[in-house]
Amino acid sequence: MTSSNRDDAGEPTLYIAEFIDGPLEGHTDSRSLLHGKHAPRISMVAAVAGLESVFWYDEVDERDVSGQRRVRYAFDEGESDPVEAEIDPI
């Protein structure tokens, strides 16, 4: 069985998430469309100072680049885990 990056109507089932700021600034992630739509809000897990942290990102805009859907996301600092590791005083 072969896999395809298109749904039954020939529409792409994948899109590229671009992180424009925050701890993941400059990174991209390939994500799946759900019912032909991208997620307006996504979470990402990344290691900061050796600890897993959850970062929330909200959609800024979307565009088509050479037939590929690309969605830009901005960091939601208030809903995300702290970026800087807290150090206990001695």
N, C-alpha and C. Protein backbone atom coordinates (compact mmCIF):
# COMPACT_ATOMS: atom_id res chain seq x y z
N MET A 1 0.84 -1.16 0.00
CA MET A 1 0.00 0.00 0.00
C MET A 1 0.89 1.24 0.00
N THR A 2 0.57 2.21 -0.83
CA THR A 2 1.36 3.43 -0.87
C THR A 2 0.64 4.55 -0.14
N SER A 3 1.41 5.50 0.40
CA SER A 3 0.79 6.64 1.08
C SER A 3 0.86 7.85 0.17
N SER A 4 -0.04 8.77 0.38
CA SER A 4 -0.10 9.98 -0.42
C SER A 4 -0.23 11.18 0.49
N ASN A 5 0.28 12.32 0.03
CA ASN A 5 0.13 13.55 0.78
C ASN A 5 -1.08 14.33 0.30
N ARG A 6 -2.06 13.63 -0.29
CA ARG A 6 -3.27 14.28 -0.80
C ARG A 6 -4.49 13.49 -0.36
N ASP A 7 -5.61 14.22 -0.15
CA ASP A 7 -6.85 13.55 0.22
C ASP A 7 -7.57 13.08 -1.03
N ASP A 8 -8.78 12.56 -0.89
CA ASP A 8 -9.53 12.01 -2.02
C ASP A 8 -9.82 13.05 -3.10
N ALA A 9 -9.91 14.31 -2.72
CA ALA A 9 -10.19 15.38 -3.69
C ALA A 9 -8.91 15.94 -4.30
N GLY A 10 -7.76 15.36 -3.94
CA GLY A 10 -6.49 15.81 -4.47
C GLY A 10 -5.89 16.98 -3.70
N GLU A 11 -6.53 17.37 -2.59
CA GLU A 11 -6.02 18.47 -1.77
C GLU A 11 -4.88 17.96 -0.89
N PRO A 12 -3.89 18.80 -0.61
CA PRO A 12 -2.79 18.38 0.29
C PRO A 12 -3.32 18.06 1.68
N THR A 13 -2.76 17.04 2.30
CA THR A 13 -3.15 16.69 3.67
C THR A 13 -2.10 17.14 4.68
N LEU A 14 -1.01 17.70 4.17
CA LEU A 14 0.05 18.20 5.05
C LEU A 14 0.25 19.68 4.83
N TYR A 15 0.72 20.35 5.86
CA TYR A 15 1.12 21.75 5.73
C TYR A 15 2.36 21.98 6.56
N ILE A 16 3.02 23.10 6.33
CA ILE A 16 4.23 23.44 7.07
C ILE A 16 3.89 24.53 8.08
N ALA A 17 4.17 24.28 9.34
CA ALA A 17 4.02 25.28 10.40
C ALA A 17 5.37 25.98 10.56
N GLU A 18 5.35 27.31 10.50
CA GLU A 18 6.55 28.12 10.66
C GLU A 18 6.43 28.90 11.97
N PHE A 19 7.43 28.79 12.83
CA PHE A 19 7.42 29.47 14.12
C PHE A 19 8.21 30.77 13.99
N ILE A 20 7.51 31.91 14.15
CA ILE A 20 8.13 33.19 13.83
C ILE A 20 8.78 33.88 15.04
N ASP A 21 8.53 33.37 16.24
CA ASP A 21 9.15 33.96 17.43
C ASP A 21 9.15 32.93 18.56
N GLY A 22 9.57 33.36 19.74
CA GLY A 22 9.60 32.46 20.89
C GLY A 22 10.75 31.48 20.82
N PRO A 23 10.71 30.46 21.67
CA PRO A 23 11.82 29.51 21.76
C PRO A 23 12.03 28.67 20.50
N LEU A 24 11.03 28.56 19.65
CA LEU A 24 11.16 27.77 18.42
C LEU A 24 11.32 28.64 17.18
N GLU A 25 11.64 29.91 17.37
CA GLU A 25 11.79 30.85 16.25
C GLU A 25 12.71 30.29 15.18
N GLY A 26 12.23 30.36 13.93
CA GLY A 26 13.02 29.89 12.80
C GLY A 26 12.84 28.41 12.48
N HIS A 27 12.18 27.67 13.35
CA HIS A 27 11.95 26.24 13.10
C HIS A 27 10.66 26.04 12.32
N THR A 28 10.57 24.90 11.65
CA THR A 28 9.36 24.51 10.94
C THR A 28 8.97 23.10 11.36
N ASP A 29 7.72 22.76 11.11
CA ASP A 29 7.21 21.44 11.44
C ASP A 29 6.18 21.05 10.39
N SER A 30 6.25 19.83 9.90
CA SER A 30 5.25 19.32 8.96
C SER A 30 4.10 18.77 9.78
N ARG A 31 2.88 19.24 9.48
CA ARG A 31 1.71 18.85 10.26
C ARG A 31 0.59 18.42 9.33
N SER A 32 -0.34 17.64 9.86
CA SER A 32 -1.47 17.15 9.06
C SER A 32 -2.66 18.09 9.14
N LEU A 33 -3.33 18.25 8.01
CA LEU A 33 -4.59 18.98 7.99
C LEU A 33 -5.67 18.08 8.58
N LEU A 34 -6.64 18.67 9.26
CA LEU A 34 -7.79 17.93 9.76
C LEU A 34 -9.01 18.45 9.03
N HIS A 35 -9.66 17.56 8.25
CA HIS A 35 -10.82 17.93 7.45
C HIS A 35 -10.49 19.11 6.53
N GLY A 36 -9.26 19.10 5.98
CA GLY A 36 -8.84 20.11 5.03
C GLY A 36 -8.42 21.43 5.64
N LYS A 37 -8.33 21.50 6.97
CA LYS A 37 -7.99 22.75 7.63
C LYS A 37 -6.78 22.58 8.54
N HIS A 38 -6.02 23.66 8.68
CA HIS A 38 -4.90 23.64 9.61
C HIS A 38 -5.39 24.06 11.00
N ALA A 39 -4.59 23.77 12.00
CA ALA A 39 -4.95 24.13 13.38
C ALA A 39 -4.68 25.61 13.63
N PRO A 40 -5.64 26.33 14.21
CA PRO A 40 -5.41 27.74 14.52
C PRO A 40 -4.50 27.92 15.74
N ARG A 41 -4.36 26.88 16.54
CA ARG A 41 -3.53 26.93 17.75
C ARG A 41 -2.86 25.57 17.90
N ILE A 42 -1.56 25.58 18.12
CA ILE A 42 -0.84 24.31 18.27
C ILE A 42 0.10 24.37 19.47
N SER A 43 0.41 23.21 19.99
CA SER A 43 1.39 23.12 21.06
C SER A 43 2.59 22.32 20.56
N MET A 44 3.74 22.65 21.10
CA MET A 44 4.96 21.94 20.76
C MET A 44 5.68 21.62 22.07
N VAL A 45 6.31 20.48 22.13
CA VAL A 45 7.10 20.08 23.29
C VAL A 45 8.57 20.15 22.90
N ALA A 46 9.36 20.83 23.73
CA ALA A 46 10.79 20.94 23.48
C ALA A 46 11.53 20.92 24.82
N ALA A 47 12.79 20.53 24.78
CA ALA A 47 13.60 20.48 26.00
C ALA A 47 14.27 21.84 26.23
N VAL A 48 14.12 22.36 27.44
CA VAL A 48 14.78 23.59 27.86
C VAL A 48 15.51 23.26 29.15
N ALA A 49 16.81 23.47 29.16
CA ALA A 49 17.65 23.15 30.32
C ALA A 49 17.43 21.71 30.78
N GLY A 50 17.23 20.80 29.80
CA GLY A 50 17.09 19.38 30.11
C GLY A 50 15.70 18.97 30.56
N LEU A 51 14.75 19.91 30.63
CA LEU A 51 13.38 19.60 31.04
C LEU A 51 12.43 19.81 29.87
N GLU A 52 11.45 18.91 29.75
CA GLU A 52 10.46 19.08 28.69
C GLU A 52 9.55 20.26 29.03
N SER A 53 9.33 21.11 28.05
CA SER A 53 8.48 22.28 28.21
C SER A 53 7.44 22.28 27.10
N VAL A 54 6.23 22.79 27.40
CA VAL A 54 5.17 22.90 26.41
C VAL A 54 5.05 24.36 25.99
N PHE A 55 5.09 24.58 24.69
CA PHE A 55 4.99 25.93 24.13
C PHE A 55 3.75 26.00 23.25
N TRP A 56 2.94 27.04 23.44
CA TRP A 56 1.73 27.24 22.66
C TRP A 56 1.97 28.32 21.62
N TYR A 57 1.44 28.09 20.42
CA TYR A 57 1.57 29.01 19.30
C TYR A 57 0.20 29.22 18.65
N ASP A 58 -0.06 30.48 18.24
CA ASP A 58 -1.31 30.85 17.59
C ASP A 58 -1.06 31.28 16.15
N GLU A 59 -2.00 30.93 15.28
CA GLU A 59 -1.89 31.27 13.85
C GLU A 59 -1.82 32.79 13.66
N VAL A 60 -0.92 33.19 12.77
CA VAL A 60 -0.81 34.59 12.36
C VAL A 60 -1.41 34.75 10.97
N ASP A 61 -0.97 33.91 10.03
CA ASP A 61 -1.49 33.94 8.67
C ASP A 61 -1.11 32.66 7.96
N GLU A 62 -1.67 32.49 6.76
CA GLU A 62 -1.33 31.33 5.93
C GLU A 62 -1.11 31.81 4.50
N ARG A 63 -0.35 31.02 3.75
CA ARG A 63 -0.08 31.35 2.36
C ARG A 63 0.28 30.07 1.61
N ASP A 64 0.27 30.19 0.31
CA ASP A 64 0.62 29.08 -0.56
C ASP A 64 1.99 29.38 -1.16
N VAL A 65 2.93 28.45 -1.00
CA VAL A 65 4.27 28.61 -1.57
C VAL A 65 4.51 27.41 -2.49
N SER A 66 4.49 27.65 -3.78
CA SER A 66 4.70 26.60 -4.78
C SER A 66 3.77 25.40 -4.56
N GLY A 67 2.50 25.69 -4.27
CA GLY A 67 1.52 24.62 -4.09
C GLY A 67 1.51 23.99 -2.71
N GLN A 68 2.31 24.50 -1.80
CA GLN A 68 2.37 23.95 -0.44
C GLN A 68 1.82 24.98 0.54
N ARG A 69 0.88 24.55 1.39
CA ARG A 69 0.32 25.44 2.40
C ARG A 69 1.34 25.65 3.51
N ARG A 70 1.56 26.92 3.85
CA ARG A 70 2.47 27.29 4.95
C ARG A 70 1.71 28.21 5.88
N VAL A 71 1.77 27.90 7.18
CA VAL A 71 1.06 28.69 8.19
C VAL A 71 2.09 29.21 9.18
N ARG A 72 2.05 30.53 9.43
CA ARG A 72 2.96 31.14 10.39
C ARG A 72 2.26 31.21 11.75
N TYR A 73 3.03 30.89 12.81
CA TYR A 73 2.51 30.87 14.17
C TYR A 73 3.37 31.75 15.07
N ALA A 74 2.69 32.47 16.00
CA ALA A 74 3.35 33.34 16.97
C ALA A 74 3.26 32.71 18.36
N PHE A 75 4.29 32.91 19.14
CA PHE A 75 4.43 32.35 20.48
C PHE A 75 3.43 32.98 21.45
N ASP A 76 2.76 32.15 22.25
CA ASP A 76 1.86 32.62 23.31
C ASP A 76 2.59 32.40 24.63
N GLU A 77 3.33 33.40 25.05
CA GLU A 77 4.16 33.28 26.24
C GLU A 77 3.34 33.04 27.50
N GLY A 78 2.18 33.68 27.62
CA GLY A 78 1.35 33.56 28.81
C GLY A 78 0.82 32.16 29.06
N GLU A 79 0.59 31.39 28.00
CA GLU A 79 0.05 30.04 28.14
C GLU A 79 1.12 28.95 28.11
N SER A 80 2.36 29.34 27.82
CA SER A 80 3.45 28.37 27.67
C SER A 80 4.23 28.21 28.97
N ASP A 81 4.97 27.11 29.05
CA ASP A 81 5.88 26.92 30.18
C ASP A 81 6.97 28.00 30.11
N PRO A 82 7.54 28.36 31.27
CA PRO A 82 8.61 29.37 31.27
C PRO A 82 9.77 28.94 30.37
N VAL A 83 10.36 29.92 29.68
CA VAL A 83 11.45 29.62 28.76
C VAL A 83 12.77 29.52 29.49
N GLU A 84 13.00 30.39 30.46
CA GLU A 84 14.25 30.39 31.20
C GLU A 84 14.14 29.44 32.39
N ALA A 85 15.18 28.65 32.61
CA ALA A 85 15.21 27.74 33.74
C ALA A 85 15.33 28.54 35.03
N GLU A 86 14.52 28.18 36.01
CA GLU A 86 14.60 28.86 37.30
C GLU A 86 15.72 28.22 38.12
N ILE A 87 16.51 29.05 38.78
CA ILE A 87 17.64 28.57 39.59
C ILE A 87 17.32 28.87 41.05
N ASP A 88 17.38 27.82 41.88
CA ASP A 88 17.12 28.00 43.31
C ASP A 88 18.32 28.67 43.97
N PRO A 89 18.07 29.70 44.83
CA PRO A 89 19.21 30.32 45.53
C PRO A 89 19.82 29.34 46.53
N ILE A 90 21.10 29.50 46.76
CA ILE A 90 21.81 28.59 47.66
C ILE A 90 21.77 29.12 49.06
